[in-house]
Every structure is written in C-alpha cells, then in structure tokens.
Amino acid sequence: MSYYEKIQRQCLDAWSLLLRYEVDPAHPVQVSRLATQLFDSLIPVHHLGLLERNLLECAALLHDLGMLISEKRHHKHIMRMILNADMPSFEEREKQIVANAARYHRRSFPKQKHREFGEMEETDQQTVRVLASILRVADALDKSGEGIIEIEDCFLEERDFVIRGQNRGPYERELKALEKKKDLFVFTFGVDVKLILQPAAEADIPQNHLLRITA
C-alpha cells in the first residue's frame, strides 16, 4: 500500500465509523475543514506532515461521536470508541494519536497521569498536544454547528495567531467558545488567537473597514 493509499483508507475508516451511527456529518465536516486550514497555516511552527494532518482530520470527523453515549463525558467516550473500533488502516500508534486528539478537544489538558496519554512516546505526546489544540480552536469556530465562520487565511503576527475570514451570521457563540477553548493552543504555541471577521455580504469592502475582534 502506498503512502497516499494509506491516507485515503484511513479517511474511509473514519467516515465509516462516523456514518455507522447515522450522525449528521455537517458539524464534523466543517470542523475538519477548519482544523486542516489551521494546521496548514502552522506548518512552519509545528513541522508536522501529511500523515499528522490526516490524523487531525480523522479526529475532527469523530470528535463528537461520544455524544451518543453521554454529552457530559463525550470526550472520554470517543477516545474509547476509537481505540475499540475496527479501523484496519491505522497502526496502533496512529490510532492512539487520533483517539487522544479527539479526547482532548475539550476540558482537561493532556496529562502524564492520564494512562492512555502517559503511555505514549514523547514525540507522539507532542503531536497530540498540537492536534488537540488546533481541534479545540476549530471546534469553537463552529460552536453553533451552522458553518457561520469561513477562514480565508491565517498568519502569525508578533504574539498573535491571526485568523481572518467571513461570518455568515451572528457568531457570539463561536467567540465565547473560542475564548474558552483557545487555552491549549496558547499553551502549545505560545501565542494568543485573534479573530478578524467581516460579514460575508460585505466581502468587497476596503480592508481598513474590517471588524476586528480579539478573542
């Protein structure tokens, strides 16, 4: 199996698990799109590759699947669901990374005392931190589940990671979620997150008229 065939099969395995439970894919797909955009913009910082990008995409597709068991602890349930799932295209190490990235998309930071995370190699732990921190931000940007925010570009500017894009409606829920969920990103990358949006209907207005919001 070639490198690209493996990545394709991993995506198919993730989709198979998602659709097995008849979950509406709109939110997971939007989060995976946002997450991979953020990942690509941060390559000069995290230095991860196409395989890790794909693992992030899979974690994003599956991150809320644990809601079928319990909303309050769904981040823990999805880790177990992924670890116990039949996903033959994943090596055990890759499965652990996806499961832990999905597990840490909310609530606690990754900690050595957490058995599944603590048993991972140090390099894989850092990969989980990077992927989970990106996933948290992407999830926050679609808090309403309505695809309100679209990213145009992202870049580092002094001590900020700037996310610039368009909003297709009110985004108070997304902004509140970002303020809450950016913590691991700030810890991992050492920069704050700044969100700069303009209403989609006003996409052609001059740059100096953009609405600026700092999360």
Foldseek 3Di string as FASTA:
>chain_A
DDPVVLLVLQVVLLVCVLPVVPDDQLLLQQLLVQLLQVVVQCCVPPVDDDLLNSLLSSLSSQLQVLVVPPPVQSLLVSLVVQQPDPRPSDDNLSSLLSSLLSSLLDDDQDDLVPPSLVPHDPVSNLSSLVSNLSSNLSSLQCVVSPSQWDFDHWHDDPQEIETETEGQDDNPSSVVSNVVRNVSVCVSRVHAYWYWYDHPVPVPDDPVPTDTDGD
